[in-house]
Amino acid sequence: MHDAEQRMRDFERWHRRPTPRSETSAGADFDALRRTMRDAAKRFAGIAEAWEASAPIELRDQCVLTGFAAGVLTVVVPSASVTYALDRALREGLETTLREATGGKLVRVRSRVGAGPG
């Protein structure tokens, strides 16, 4: 009888259901999300300001900065012709300006054709 009781306790211990998430864990998740968003905003702020100050107006109106991770700035452009104009601007000094604005963290600018602003 003792052996059966022990096996039953072992079974219950091994097959224990996870405890339900409480409101405090949701609060912790929210705090972690807030920290992540704040850190991303800090990383992106300098480059976004430099883009607004340095990019030609026709590019600012047509391009959307969508991400900055691992040193790569992702810019969404509406067409291949805007990709060409962006490439020319980057080669003429825009990339250097953006690199200086990020303290050298910018490695490259990646463009992809997609939906533009609006």
Protein backbone atom coordinates (compact mmCIF):
# COMPACT_ATOMS: atom_id res chain seq x y z
CA MET A 1 0.00 0.00 0.00
CA HIS A 2 2.82 2.36 0.88
CA ASP A 3 4.39 1.79 -2.54
CA ALA A 4 1.14 2.70 -4.33
CA GLU A 5 0.82 5.92 -2.32
CA GLN A 6 4.40 6.87 -3.13
CA ARG A 7 3.83 6.23 -6.83
CA MET A 8 0.69 8.34 -6.75
CA ARG A 9 2.58 11.25 -5.13
CA ASP A 10 5.37 10.88 -7.69
CA PHE A 11 2.82 10.87 -10.50
CA GLU A 12 1.17 14.04 -9.18
CA ARG A 13 4.53 15.75 -8.78
CA TRP A 14 5.70 14.83 -12.28
CA HIS A 15 2.41 15.72 -13.96
CA ARG A 16 1.73 18.91 -12.11
CA ARG A 17 -0.05 21.55 -14.15
CA PRO A 18 1.63 24.92 -14.40
CA THR A 19 0.28 27.49 -12.03
CA PRO A 20 -2.03 29.98 -13.72
CA ARG A 21 -0.59 33.37 -14.57
CA SER A 22 -1.52 35.99 -12.07
CA GLU A 23 -2.11 39.68 -12.56
CA THR A 24 1.31 40.40 -11.11
CA SER A 25 2.98 38.44 -13.91
CA ALA A 26 0.98 40.45 -16.46
CA GLY A 27 2.27 43.60 -14.76
CA ALA A 28 5.81 42.27 -15.01
CA ASP A 29 5.28 41.53 -18.70
CA PHE A 30 3.98 45.05 -19.23
CA ASP A 31 7.02 46.52 -17.45
CA ALA A 32 9.37 44.45 -19.62
CA LEU A 33 7.55 45.60 -22.76
CA ARG A 34 7.74 49.22 -21.62
CA ARG A 35 11.52 48.90 -21.03
CA THR A 36 12.00 47.31 -24.45
CA MET A 37 10.03 50.07 -26.16
CA ARG A 38 11.89 52.78 -24.24
CA ASP A 39 15.27 51.30 -25.18
CA ALA A 40 14.24 51.01 -28.84
CA ALA A 41 13.07 54.63 -28.82
CA LYS A 42 16.42 55.74 -27.41
CA ARG A 43 18.30 53.81 -30.11
CA PHE A 44 16.10 55.09 -32.91
CA ALA A 45 15.73 58.72 -31.79
CA GLY A 46 19.17 59.96 -32.85
CA ILE A 47 18.99 58.44 -36.28
CA ALA A 48 15.41 59.62 -36.88
CA GLU A 49 16.37 63.19 -35.97
CA ALA A 50 19.42 63.03 -38.23
CA TRP A 51 17.24 61.68 -41.05
CA GLU A 52 14.77 64.55 -40.66
CA ALA A 53 17.59 67.11 -40.58
CA SER A 54 19.78 65.70 -43.36
CA ALA A 55 17.72 63.75 -45.89
CA PRO A 56 16.53 65.60 -48.98
CA ILE A 57 12.89 66.60 -48.65
CA GLU A 58 11.77 64.42 -51.56
CA LEU A 59 13.20 61.37 -49.77
CA ARG A 60 11.75 62.34 -46.39
CA ASP A 61 8.31 62.59 -47.97
CA GLN A 62 8.52 59.22 -49.71
CA CYS A 63 10.58 56.99 -47.40
CA VAL A 64 9.69 55.41 -44.07
CA LEU A 65 12.30 54.40 -41.49
CA THR A 66 11.04 51.07 -40.21
CA GLY A 67 13.82 49.70 -38.04
CA PHE A 68 17.30 50.00 -36.68
CA ALA A 69 18.82 46.78 -35.37
CA ALA A 70 22.32 45.33 -35.34
CA GLY A 71 23.63 48.44 -37.06
CA VAL A 72 21.28 48.16 -40.03
CA LEU A 73 18.78 50.93 -40.73
CA THR A 74 15.82 49.65 -42.75
CA VAL A 75 14.11 52.16 -45.03
CA VAL A 76 10.93 51.34 -46.96
CA VAL A 77 10.66 53.11 -50.30
CA PRO A 78 7.63 53.19 -52.64
CA SER A 79 9.45 52.43 -55.92
CA ALA A 80 12.72 51.48 -57.56
CA SER A 81 13.29 55.06 -58.68
CA VAL A 82 13.15 56.23 -55.06
CA THR A 83 15.56 53.43 -54.16
CA TYR A 84 17.95 54.86 -56.73
CA ALA A 85 17.55 58.40 -55.34
CA LEU A 86 18.15 57.09 -51.81
CA ASP A 87 21.27 55.26 -52.93
CA ARG A 88 22.62 58.44 -54.56
CA ALA A 89 21.94 60.50 -51.42
CA LEU A 90 23.63 57.90 -49.22
CA ARG A 91 26.72 57.90 -51.44
CA GLU A 92 26.81 61.70 -51.45
CA GLY A 93 27.14 61.93 -47.67
CA LEU A 94 23.81 61.08 -46.09
CA GLU A 95 25.15 57.75 -44.83
CA THR A 96 28.11 59.48 -43.16
CA THR A 97 25.78 61.96 -41.49
CA LEU A 98 23.56 59.17 -40.19
CA ARG A 99 26.59 57.18 -39.00
CA GLU A 100 27.84 60.19 -37.04
CA ALA A 101 24.37 60.69 -35.52
CA THR A 102 24.43 57.14 -34.15
CA GLY A 103 27.92 57.43 -32.75
CA GLY A 104 29.21 54.97 -35.36
CA LYS A 105 26.59 52.31 -34.62
CA LEU A 106 25.17 52.47 -38.14
CA VAL A 107 26.80 49.83 -40.32
CA ARG A 108 24.63 50.06 -43.41
CA VAL A 109 21.30 51.25 -44.76
CA ARG A 110 19.01 48.63 -46.26
CA SER A 111 16.16 49.71 -48.50
CA ARG A 112 13.21 47.68 -49.63
CA VAL A 113 10.32 48.51 -51.89
CA GLY A 114 7.01 48.55 -50.07
CA ALA A 115 4.16 50.80 -49.05
CA GLY A 116 5.31 54.37 -48.55
CA PRO A 117 3.93 56.87 -46.06
CA GLY A 118 0.27 57.59 -46.04
